[in-house]
Amino acid sequence: MIDIHSHLLPGVDDGSPSLDVSLAMLDAYIASGFRSIVVTPHLVGPLEPDYQAKVRDAFARVEPHARQRGLALEQGFEVHLNPDLPAYLQRRDPITLGGTNVVLIDLPFTEWPLYADATFFAIQASGFHIVLAHPERYPSIQDKPAKAEELVARGVTLQVTIGSFSGAFGKRAKKSAETLLQRGLVQIVATDAHSAGHRMAAIPAGMKRLSELVGASQVRRLTVEAPASLLNGDALPPPARPRPRIWRPRFTTIGR
């Protein structure tokens, strides 16, 4: 499997606090069946030289350990949406996933920014592909799933967090994740792992629930085929669809 959203690098954001934790995360990734990870530390503004150097150094500390375990690492960022983001991308700041034209974007967990839709349009008009991180956790989408439909219709890819399917982020996020899946809006899933703790621990249960909902072949689409297509610049496969419900007649015994 391929993870396009991970806070694996030690000491750069609110993710892994140390190399020891990062190594434990690598072992957890292997145990969960992952073979490739895009590390995506938070980026809340322009990519300043000091922060870029800090991320680069942390990557250099972790990458040899990943390689020894058979894990491939690539660099990227989880970029907080702001009105200046199109300008950062146009000047080719190295903030996309693996050097592609794909940018992983997150939003505030409060309200939907007034500038969001116009900024999304400007990013796409500049030739970049948007992946929206954890849409199931945004109150605006939890309250109005049609908002997610509008985004997908405009070419935005939705990345749901695996742990949401097991309830790791609460009942509302779980319900929202399943609603998005039911509506055929989920094109990719990822861990958004910040440590070797509860988000990693939630992966097996999340994968089990996801498999129950869509089946093994579509789980592969969400965890292997879609992320590989993104990173290779290919067209994404169709979104996952829930398994059809099988109607079974109920038999009753009529008393004499």
Protein backbone atom coordinates (compact mmCIF):
# COMPACT_ATOMS: atom_id res chain seq x y z
CA MET A 1 0.00 0.00 0.00
CA ILE A 2 0.97 3.64 -0.49
CA ASP A 3 0.39 6.37 2.09
CA ILE A 4 0.26 9.93 0.73
CA HIS A 5 -0.36 11.64 4.08
CA SER A 6 2.00 11.07 6.99
CA HIS A 7 3.65 13.12 9.72
CA LEU A 8 6.53 10.68 10.05
CA LEU A 9 9.47 13.10 10.15
CA PRO A 10 10.80 13.71 13.66
CA GLY A 11 10.67 17.11 15.30
CA VAL A 12 9.31 19.25 12.46
CA ASP A 13 5.60 19.66 13.29
CA ASP A 14 2.98 18.10 15.58
CA GLY A 15 3.83 14.65 14.26
CA SER A 16 6.63 12.36 15.40
CA PRO A 17 8.57 14.04 18.23
CA SER A 18 11.73 11.92 17.91
CA LEU A 19 13.64 9.49 15.74
CA ASP A 20 12.66 6.63 18.05
CA VAL A 21 8.98 7.35 17.46
CA SER A 22 9.58 7.61 13.71
CA LEU A 23 11.26 4.19 13.75
CA ALA A 24 8.30 2.72 15.64
CA MET A 25 6.03 4.25 12.98
CA LEU A 26 8.09 2.63 10.23
CA ASP A 27 7.66 -0.76 11.90
CA ALA A 28 3.92 -0.15 12.22
CA TYR A 29 3.73 0.77 8.54
CA ILE A 30 5.42 -2.49 7.59
CA ALA A 31 3.09 -4.48 9.87
CA SER A 32 0.06 -2.79 8.25
CA GLY A 33 1.20 -3.65 4.72
CA PHE A 34 2.55 -0.31 3.50
CA ARG A 35 5.55 -0.18 1.18
CA SER A 36 5.67 3.49 0.15
CA ILE A 37 5.08 6.70 2.12
CA VAL A 38 4.95 10.36 1.16
CA VAL A 39 5.97 12.35 4.24
CA THR A 40 3.82 15.46 4.54
CA PRO A 41 4.72 17.81 7.40
CA HIS A 42 2.41 20.76 7.91
CA LEU A 43 3.07 23.93 5.94
CA VAL A 44 1.04 26.94 7.09
CA GLY A 45 2.59 29.65 4.89
CA PRO A 46 5.40 30.10 2.39
CA LEU A 47 8.19 27.53 2.52
CA GLU A 48 10.85 29.45 4.41
CA PRO A 49 14.51 28.34 4.01
CA ASP A 50 14.91 27.45 7.69
CA TYR A 51 11.87 25.20 7.71
CA GLN A 52 12.82 23.64 4.39
CA ALA A 53 16.27 22.80 5.80
CA LYS A 54 14.71 21.36 8.96
CA VAL A 55 12.44 19.10 6.91
CA ARG A 56 15.27 18.07 4.62
CA ASP A 57 17.49 17.14 7.58
CA ALA A 58 14.71 15.14 9.25
CA PHE A 59 14.10 13.28 5.99
CA ALA A 60 17.79 12.44 5.73
CA ARG A 61 17.70 10.98 9.26
CA VAL A 62 14.71 8.73 8.60
CA GLU A 63 15.11 7.68 4.99
CA PRO A 64 18.01 5.20 5.48
CA HIS A 65 16.03 3.41 8.21
CA ALA A 66 13.01 3.22 5.91
CA ARG A 67 15.11 1.85 3.07
CA GLN A 68 16.56 -0.83 5.34
CA ARG A 69 13.00 -1.95 6.07
CA GLY A 70 12.03 -1.99 2.39
CA LEU A 71 9.98 1.21 2.62
CA ALA A 72 10.25 3.92 -0.04
CA LEU A 73 9.93 7.51 1.17
CA GLU A 74 9.04 10.57 -0.88
CA GLN A 75 8.77 14.19 0.19
CA GLY A 76 5.78 16.47 0.23
CA PHE A 77 3.76 18.75 2.50
CA GLU A 78 0.27 19.07 3.90
CA VAL A 79 -0.36 22.66 2.91
CA HIS A 80 -2.82 24.82 4.82
CA LEU A 81 -5.05 26.66 2.39
CA ASN A 82 -4.52 30.40 2.22
CA PRO A 83 -5.20 32.95 -0.53
CA ASP A 84 -1.48 33.17 -1.40
CA LEU A 85 -1.09 29.45 -2.10
CA PRO A 86 -1.57 29.78 -5.89
CA ALA A 87 1.38 32.21 -5.95
CA TYR A 88 3.60 29.77 -4.03
CA LEU A 89 2.75 27.04 -6.51
CA GLN A 90 3.23 29.25 -9.56
CA ARG A 91 6.75 30.15 -8.45
CA ARG A 92 7.42 26.42 -8.08
CA ASP A 93 7.98 26.20 -4.35
CA PRO A 94 8.74 22.47 -3.74
CA ILE A 95 5.57 21.78 -1.76
CA THR A 96 3.77 19.22 -3.92
CA LEU A 97 3.69 15.44 -3.39
CA GLY A 98 6.84 13.78 -4.68
CA GLY A 99 7.64 16.61 -7.08
CA THR A 100 4.38 16.09 -9.01
CA ASN A 101 1.64 18.62 -9.77
CA VAL A 102 -0.42 17.22 -6.86
CA VAL A 103 -0.85 19.38 -3.75
CA LEU A 104 -2.27 18.01 -0.49
CA ILE A 105 -4.37 20.73 1.14
CA ASP A 106 -6.02 21.00 4.52
CA LEU A 107 -8.56 23.49 5.86
CA PRO A 108 -9.47 24.82 9.31
CA PHE A 109 -11.57 22.50 11.45
CA THR A 110 -13.87 25.41 12.27
CA GLU A 111 -15.65 27.05 9.35
CA TRP A 112 -15.28 26.82 5.59
CA PRO A 113 -13.04 29.74 4.55
CA LEU A 114 -14.75 32.36 2.38
CA TYR A 115 -11.76 32.33 0.02
CA ALA A 116 -11.62 28.52 -0.35
CA ASP A 117 -13.57 28.03 -3.58
CA ALA A 118 -11.84 30.90 -5.42
CA THR A 119 -8.42 29.69 -4.25
CA PHE A 120 -9.16 26.13 -5.34
CA PHE A 121 -10.08 27.45 -8.78
CA ALA A 122 -6.87 29.50 -9.02
CA ILE A 123 -4.76 26.49 -8.04
CA GLN A 124 -6.42 24.29 -10.65
CA ALA A 125 -6.16 27.01 -13.29
CA SER A 126 -2.41 27.04 -12.66
CA GLY A 127 -2.21 23.35 -13.60
CA PHE A 128 -2.16 21.72 -10.17
CA HIS A 129 -4.26 18.86 -8.90
CA ILE A 130 -5.82 19.26 -5.45
CA VAL A 131 -6.15 16.47 -2.91
CA LEU A 132 -8.24 17.59 0.04
CA ALA A 133 -7.08 16.00 3.29
CA HIS A 134 -9.60 14.37 5.66
CA PRO A 135 -12.82 15.97 4.32
CA GLU A 136 -14.87 13.76 6.65
CA ARG A 137 -13.59 15.78 9.63
CA TYR A 138 -14.69 19.22 8.41
CA PRO A 139 -17.99 20.34 10.03
CA SER A 140 -19.09 21.99 6.78
CA ILE A 141 -18.95 18.64 4.97
CA GLN A 142 -20.32 16.67 7.92
CA ASP A 143 -23.34 18.99 7.91
CA LYS A 144 -23.65 19.20 4.13
CA PRO A 145 -22.21 16.25 2.17
CA ALA A 146 -23.36 17.97 -1.03
CA LYS A 147 -20.39 20.30 -0.49
CA ALA A 148 -18.11 17.33 -1.08
CA GLU A 149 -20.04 16.45 -4.24
CA GLU A 150 -19.44 19.97 -5.55
CA LEU A 151 -15.70 19.65 -4.91
CA VAL A 152 -15.43 16.29 -6.66
CA ALA A 153 -17.42 17.64 -9.61
CA ARG A 154 -14.80 20.41 -9.86
CA GLY A 155 -11.94 17.90 -9.99
CA VAL A 156 -10.86 17.91 -6.35
CA THR A 157 -9.77 14.50 -5.02
CA LEU A 158 -10.95 13.58 -1.52
CA GLN A 159 -8.55 11.75 0.81
CA VAL A 160 -10.36 10.15 3.72
CA THR A 161 -8.39 9.00 6.76
CA ILE A 162 -8.41 5.23 7.31
CA GLY A 163 -8.93 5.59 11.07
CA SER A 164 -12.17 7.50 10.49
CA PHE A 165 -13.83 4.26 9.38
CA SER A 166 -13.10 2.71 12.79
CA GLY A 167 -14.31 5.74 14.75
CA ALA A 168 -10.85 7.00 15.73
CA PHE A 169 -11.97 10.62 15.20
CA GLY A 170 -15.42 10.29 16.67
CA LYS A 171 -18.90 9.28 15.56
CA ARG A 172 -19.49 12.29 13.29
CA ALA A 173 -16.28 11.69 11.32
CA LYS A 174 -17.09 7.98 11.02
CA LYS A 175 -20.59 8.69 9.77
CA SER A 176 -19.27 11.33 7.36
CA ALA A 177 -16.59 8.96 5.99
CA GLU A 178 -19.21 6.31 5.31
CA THR A 179 -21.59 8.86 3.78
CA LEU A 180 -18.89 10.06 1.38
CA LEU A 181 -18.14 6.45 0.49
CA GLN A 182 -21.84 5.70 -0.02
CA ARG A 183 -22.07 8.65 -2.42
CA GLY A 184 -19.08 7.47 -4.45
CA LEU A 185 -16.88 10.43 -3.52
CA VAL A 186 -13.89 8.72 -1.91
CA GLN A 187 -10.97 8.25 -4.30
CA ILE A 188 -8.10 7.67 -1.90
CA VAL A 189 -7.46 6.87 1.75
CA ALA A 190 -4.38 7.55 3.90
CA THR A 191 -3.23 7.28 7.49
CA ASP A 192 -2.51 10.91 8.49
CA ALA A 193 -0.31 9.22 11.11
CA HIS A 194 1.26 11.54 13.68
CA SER A 195 2.88 8.93 15.91
CA ALA A 196 2.89 5.21 16.59
CA GLY A 197 -0.18 5.75 18.79
CA HIS A 198 -3.92 5.69 18.23
CA ARG A 199 -3.96 6.66 14.54
CA MET A 200 -1.63 3.81 13.70
CA ALA A 201 -3.48 1.48 16.05
CA ALA A 202 -6.74 2.37 14.27
CA ILE A 203 -5.50 1.22 10.85
CA PRO A 204 -6.39 -2.52 11.14
CA ALA A 205 -9.93 -1.81 12.32
CA GLY A 206 -10.32 0.94 9.73
CA MET A 207 -9.15 -1.35 6.95
CA LYS A 208 -11.46 -4.10 8.15
CA ARG A 209 -14.47 -1.80 8.10
CA LEU A 210 -13.49 -0.40 4.72
CA SER A 211 -13.19 -3.92 3.32
CA GLU A 212 -16.64 -4.75 4.69
CA LEU A 213 -18.07 -1.71 2.93
CA VAL A 214 -16.43 -1.98 -0.50
CA GLY A 215 -14.59 -5.31 -0.78
CA ALA A 216 -10.92 -6.18 -1.17
CA SER A 217 -10.52 -5.13 -4.80
CA GLN A 218 -11.80 -1.62 -4.12
CA VAL A 219 -9.67 -1.33 -0.99
CA ARG A 220 -6.70 -1.96 -3.27
CA ARG A 221 -7.99 0.78 -5.57
CA LEU A 222 -8.05 3.23 -2.66
CA THR A 223 -4.69 2.27 -1.12
CA VAL A 224 -2.55 1.23 -4.10
CA GLU A 225 -3.95 2.09 -7.51
CA ALA A 226 -5.21 5.62 -6.80
CA PRO A 227 -2.12 6.87 -4.90
CA ALA A 228 0.15 5.30 -7.53
CA SER A 229 -1.80 7.04 -10.29
CA LEU A 230 -1.53 10.39 -8.48
CA LEU A 231 2.23 10.09 -8.04
CA ASN A 232 2.73 8.88 -11.63
CA GLY A 233 0.63 11.67 -13.13
CA ASP A 234 -1.95 9.21 -14.49
CA ALA A 235 -5.72 9.47 -14.47
CA LEU A 236 -7.29 8.31 -11.23
CA PRO A 237 -9.35 5.11 -11.19
CA PRO A 238 -13.06 5.48 -10.46
CA PRO A 239 -14.01 6.15 -6.83
CA ALA A 240 -14.85 3.24 -4.59
CA ARG A 241 -18.44 2.15 -4.37
CA PRO A 242 -20.09 0.33 -1.48
CA ARG A 243 -21.04 -3.28 -1.94
CA PRO A 244 -24.66 -3.74 -2.99
CA ARG A 245 -26.86 -5.03 -0.24
CA ILE A 246 -28.12 -8.55 -0.78
CA TRP A 247 -31.81 -8.89 -0.13
CA ARG A 248 -32.73 -12.01 1.77
CA PRO A 249 -36.37 -12.92 2.32
CA ARG A 250 -37.52 -13.36 5.87
CA PHE A 251 -39.40 -16.50 6.62
CA THR A 252 -41.93 -16.66 9.39
CA THR A 253 -43.55 -19.64 10.95
CA ILE A 254 -47.30 -19.43 11.04
CA GLY A 255 -48.71 -21.10 14.08
CA ARG A 256 -51.45 -23.66 13.74
